[in-house]
Protein backbone atom coordinates (compact mmCIF):
# COMPACT_ATOMS: atom_id res chain seq x y z
CA MET A 1 0.00 0.00 0.00
CA LEU A 2 1.48 3.34 -1.02
CA ALA A 3 2.04 5.90 1.71
CA LEU A 4 -0.91 8.16 2.51
CA LEU A 5 1.26 11.20 1.93
CA PHE A 6 1.15 10.46 -1.81
CA LEU A 7 -2.27 12.11 -1.70
CA PHE A 8 -0.55 15.47 -1.42
CA PHE A 9 1.45 15.05 -4.61
CA GLY A 10 -0.02 12.57 -7.06
CA ALA A 11 2.34 10.54 -9.24
CA ASP A 12 5.52 12.48 -8.50
CA LEU A 13 9.11 11.46 -7.92
CA THR A 14 8.36 10.60 -4.29
CA ASP A 15 5.76 8.07 -5.49
CA GLN A 16 8.45 6.38 -7.56
CA MET A 17 10.87 6.49 -4.65
CA TRP A 18 8.41 4.84 -2.31
CA ASP A 19 7.45 2.25 -4.87
CA ARG A 20 11.12 1.26 -5.26
CA ALA A 21 11.70 1.12 -1.51
CA LYS A 22 8.36 -0.48 -0.63
CA PRO A 23 9.72 -4.04 -0.20
CA THR A 24 12.41 -2.73 2.14
CA TYR A 25 9.87 -0.75 4.13
CA GLN A 26 7.67 -3.83 4.41
CA LYS A 27 10.62 -5.74 5.89
CA THR A 28 11.22 -2.82 8.24
CA ILE A 29 7.70 -2.60 9.63
CA GLU A 30 7.66 -6.39 10.07
CA HIS A 31 11.06 -6.47 11.78
CA PRO A 32 11.06 -8.01 15.28
CA PHE A 33 12.36 -4.74 16.75
CA LEU A 34 9.26 -2.82 15.70
CA VAL A 35 6.84 -5.71 16.17
CA GLU A 36 8.05 -6.25 19.73
CA LEU A 37 8.13 -2.52 20.42
CA ALA A 38 4.44 -2.33 19.51
CA GLU A 39 3.66 -5.46 21.53
CA GLY A 40 5.55 -4.03 24.50
CA THR A 41 7.88 -7.04 24.67
CA LEU A 42 11.07 -5.51 23.24
CA SER A 43 13.90 -5.97 25.72
CA LYS A 44 15.25 -2.92 27.52
CA GLU A 45 18.76 -3.85 26.37
CA ARG A 46 17.75 -3.74 22.71
CA PHE A 47 15.84 -0.49 23.06
CA GLU A 48 18.73 1.20 24.86
CA ARG A 49 21.21 -0.05 22.27
CA TYR A 50 19.00 1.52 19.60
CA LEU A 51 18.87 4.80 21.53
CA VAL A 52 22.64 4.99 22.01
CA GLU A 53 23.14 4.32 18.30
CA ASP A 54 20.47 6.90 17.48
CA ILE A 55 22.29 9.56 19.48
CA ALA A 56 25.46 8.94 17.47
CA TYR A 57 23.44 9.03 14.26
CA LEU A 58 21.60 12.25 15.15
CA LYS A 59 24.83 14.07 15.90
CA ALA A 60 26.10 13.18 12.42
CA TYR A 61 22.70 13.87 10.82
CA ARG A 62 22.73 17.35 12.33
CA GLU A 63 26.05 18.04 10.65
CA VAL A 64 24.79 16.63 7.34
CA LEU A 65 21.65 18.80 7.38
CA LEU A 66 23.75 21.92 7.94
CA SER A 67 25.95 20.98 4.99
CA LEU A 68 22.89 20.44 2.83
CA ALA A 69 21.41 23.76 3.95
CA SER A 70 24.47 25.52 2.54
CA LYS A 71 23.50 24.18 -0.91
CA ALA A 72 19.80 25.04 -0.71
CA PRO A 73 18.53 27.02 -3.72
CA ASN A 74 16.30 29.33 -1.69
CA ALA A 75 16.03 30.84 1.78
CA GLU A 76 12.93 28.89 2.78
CA TRP A 77 14.54 25.50 2.18
CA LYS A 78 17.78 26.61 3.79
CA GLN A 79 15.93 27.64 6.95
CA PHE A 80 13.95 24.37 6.96
CA LEU A 81 17.16 22.35 6.95
CA ILE A 82 18.83 24.55 9.57
CA GLN A 83 15.77 24.04 11.76
CA GLY A 84 16.07 20.30 11.12
CA SER A 85 19.65 20.36 12.37
CA GLU A 86 18.56 22.21 15.51
CA ASP A 87 15.79 19.67 16.03
CA CYS A 88 18.42 16.91 15.98
CA ALA A 89 20.14 18.51 18.98
CA LYS A 90 16.80 18.78 20.77
CA GLU A 91 16.05 15.15 19.98
CA VAL A 92 19.36 14.04 21.51
CA ASP A 93 18.44 15.94 24.68
CA HIS A 94 14.97 14.38 24.56
CA ILE A 95 16.43 10.85 24.35
CA HIS A 96 18.73 11.48 27.30
CA SER A 97 16.05 13.03 29.50
CA THR A 98 13.15 10.76 28.55
CA TYR A 99 14.68 7.35 28.02
CA LEU A 100 18.28 7.26 29.27
CA SER A 101 18.05 9.31 32.45
CA GLY A 102 20.18 7.57 35.06
CA THR A 103 21.57 5.19 32.45
CA LYS A 104 25.21 5.18 31.45
CA SER A 105 25.40 5.82 27.69
CA SER A 106 27.98 3.77 25.87
CA SER A 107 31.00 5.70 24.59
CA LYS A 108 31.83 3.01 22.03
CA SER A 109 32.03 3.87 18.35
CA PRO A 110 28.85 3.53 16.27
CA SER A 111 28.03 0.06 14.97
CA LYS A 112 29.13 -0.96 11.50
CA ALA A 113 25.59 -0.48 10.21
CA ASN A 114 25.34 2.98 11.76
CA SER A 115 28.79 4.01 10.50
CA ALA A 116 27.90 2.84 6.99
CA TYR A 117 24.67 4.86 7.06
CA ILE A 118 26.50 7.99 8.22
CA ALA A 119 29.13 7.53 5.51
CA PHE A 120 26.36 7.18 2.91
CA LEU A 121 24.79 10.46 4.04
CA ARG A 122 28.05 12.36 4.07
CA LYS A 123 29.05 11.11 0.65
CA ASN A 124 25.79 12.05 -1.04
CA VAL A 125 25.42 15.41 0.70
CA ASN A 126 29.04 16.52 0.41
CA GLN A 127 29.83 15.14 -3.04
CA GLY A 128 26.43 15.33 -4.70
CA ASN A 129 24.27 18.25 -5.72
CA PHE A 130 21.46 19.58 -3.53
CA THR A 131 18.83 17.23 -4.94
CA GLU A 132 20.99 14.15 -4.47
CA GLY A 133 21.73 15.17 -0.89
CA LEU A 134 18.03 15.71 -0.24
CA ALA A 135 17.24 12.23 -1.60
CA ALA A 136 19.80 10.79 0.85
CA VAL A 137 18.39 12.49 3.96
CA LEU A 138 14.74 11.91 3.02
CA PRO A 139 14.42 8.24 4.15
CA CYS A 140 15.09 9.12 7.78
CA TYR A 141 12.33 11.72 7.82
CA TRP A 142 9.79 9.74 5.83
CA ILE A 143 10.29 6.23 7.16
CA TYR A 144 10.08 7.38 10.79
CA TRP A 145 6.75 9.02 9.99
CA GLU A 146 5.43 5.88 8.30
CA VAL A 147 6.65 3.70 11.16
CA GLY A 148 5.19 6.10 13.73
CA ARG A 149 1.75 6.33 12.19
CA THR A 150 1.56 2.57 11.57
CA LEU A 151 2.55 1.69 15.13
CA LYS A 152 0.19 4.39 16.44
CA MET A 153 -2.69 2.32 15.03
CA ARG A 154 -1.38 -0.77 16.83
CA GLY A 155 -0.49 0.93 20.11
CA SER A 156 1.89 -0.48 22.71
CA LYS A 157 1.22 -1.84 26.18
CA ASN A 158 4.58 -0.48 27.28
CA THR A 159 4.18 3.20 28.19
CA THR A 160 7.80 4.00 27.33
CA TYR A 161 7.43 2.53 23.86
CA GLN A 162 4.06 4.22 23.39
CA ARG A 163 5.73 7.54 24.19
CA TRP A 164 8.29 6.83 21.45
CA ILE A 165 5.51 6.00 18.98
CA ASP A 166 3.62 9.17 19.85
CA TYR A 167 6.75 11.27 19.25
CA TYR A 168 7.01 10.14 15.61
CA SER A 169 3.30 10.16 14.80
CA ASP A 170 2.18 13.61 15.92
CA ASP A 171 0.83 16.30 13.62
CA ALA A 172 3.92 18.50 13.85
CA TYR A 173 6.15 15.70 12.59
CA ARG A 174 3.67 14.91 9.83
CA ASP A 175 3.84 18.53 8.70
CA THR A 176 7.64 18.41 8.66
CA VAL A 177 7.60 15.31 6.47
CA THR A 178 5.01 16.85 4.18
CA MET A 179 7.31 19.83 3.68
CA ILE A 180 10.40 17.79 2.81
CA LEU A 181 8.40 15.68 0.36
CA LYS A 182 7.24 18.86 -1.32
CA MET A 183 10.84 20.07 -1.47
CA MET A 184 11.97 16.78 -2.99
CA ASN A 185 9.41 16.90 -5.77
CA GLN A 186 10.05 20.56 -6.58
CA ALA A 187 13.85 20.26 -6.47
CA ALA A 188 13.82 17.24 -8.77
CA LYS A 189 11.80 18.81 -11.56
CA ASP A 190 13.56 18.52 -14.93
CA GLN A 191 16.27 16.29 -13.42
CA PRO A 192 16.91 12.61 -14.22
CA SER A 193 15.03 10.59 -11.64
CA GLU A 194 16.73 7.18 -11.63
CA LYS A 195 19.78 8.20 -9.61
CA LEU A 196 17.60 9.97 -7.06
CA ILE A 197 15.37 6.93 -6.74
CA GLN A 198 18.42 4.70 -6.24
CA ILE A 199 19.79 7.01 -3.54
CA PHE A 200 16.48 6.96 -1.70
CA ALA A 201 16.20 3.18 -1.95
CA SER A 202 19.73 2.80 -0.61
CA GLY A 203 18.89 5.10 2.30
CA ALA A 204 15.78 3.05 3.06
CA ASN A 205 17.94 -0.06 3.21
CA HIS A 206 20.34 1.66 5.61
CA GLU A 207 17.32 2.44 7.81
CA TYR A 208 16.37 -1.25 7.84
CA LEU A 209 19.91 -2.31 8.71
CA PHE A 210 19.97 0.22 11.55
CA TRP A 211 16.96 -1.42 13.22
CA ASP A 212 18.34 -4.86 12.50
CA SER A 213 21.74 -4.07 14.02
CA ALA A 214 20.18 -2.67 17.18
CA TYR A 215 17.89 -5.68 17.62
CA TYR A 216 20.69 -8.20 17.28
CA LEU A 217 23.09 -6.02 19.34
CA ARG A 218 25.67 -5.95 16.57
CA ARG A 219 28.78 -3.82 16.75
C-alpha cells in the first residue's frame, strides 16, 4: 500500500521512490524490533542499544543537514534544513532526559551499520548536488513518519514505547515530512530521476539495517 502522503502530490518522484523502496519498508515494519516494540515485549537492552546508536546518528545527521542547507537554492529551504539540524540537537536531549536518564550511555564507536549509514549520508550530501543530498536524507524523515503512524494504530502496552511511537506520529512531525516531500518533488523537476530513486532506496535499506543491528546487538 502506497504511503498516505502520496495524496498530497499525485504521481511524482516521491511516489516512484516509495514504490522502489516499498519491499524494504515492508521488511522494516515487520522487523522483530518494531513488532516487539508495539507489543511491548522488546527488551530494555535492545531499546537502549537503539537509543545509544540513534544519538550517534543524530549528531552526524545534524552536521549533514547543515551541509545540505548551505546548498539550498532558496532561503525557505535553507531555513527548513537549519531548523532540522537544531531539532536533531533537541532530539538528543529528549532521548537522554526521557529514556536514558540515570543510564550510562555507551561511549563506544557507532556500529558498522550505523557508520555505513552515516558515511552514505556524508558522501551524497558533500559530493552530490542539492537534490541528491536531499534524496539521501529523506528516508530518515519519511520512514520514521510511516513507522510512527503505523505503530500508532497498533499501540503499545509499554508506556515507554508508546511515548516513542507518539513522538514520531504527531501532527507537527507529519507537517515536517510533508514539507520535505514537497521540497523533494520541486527540487527534482527537470532532473533525471533514476539516480535519485536509487539514492532513496539505498537510504531506506540503511534504515532497515539500523533497526536490525540494534535488535541483534551488533557492533
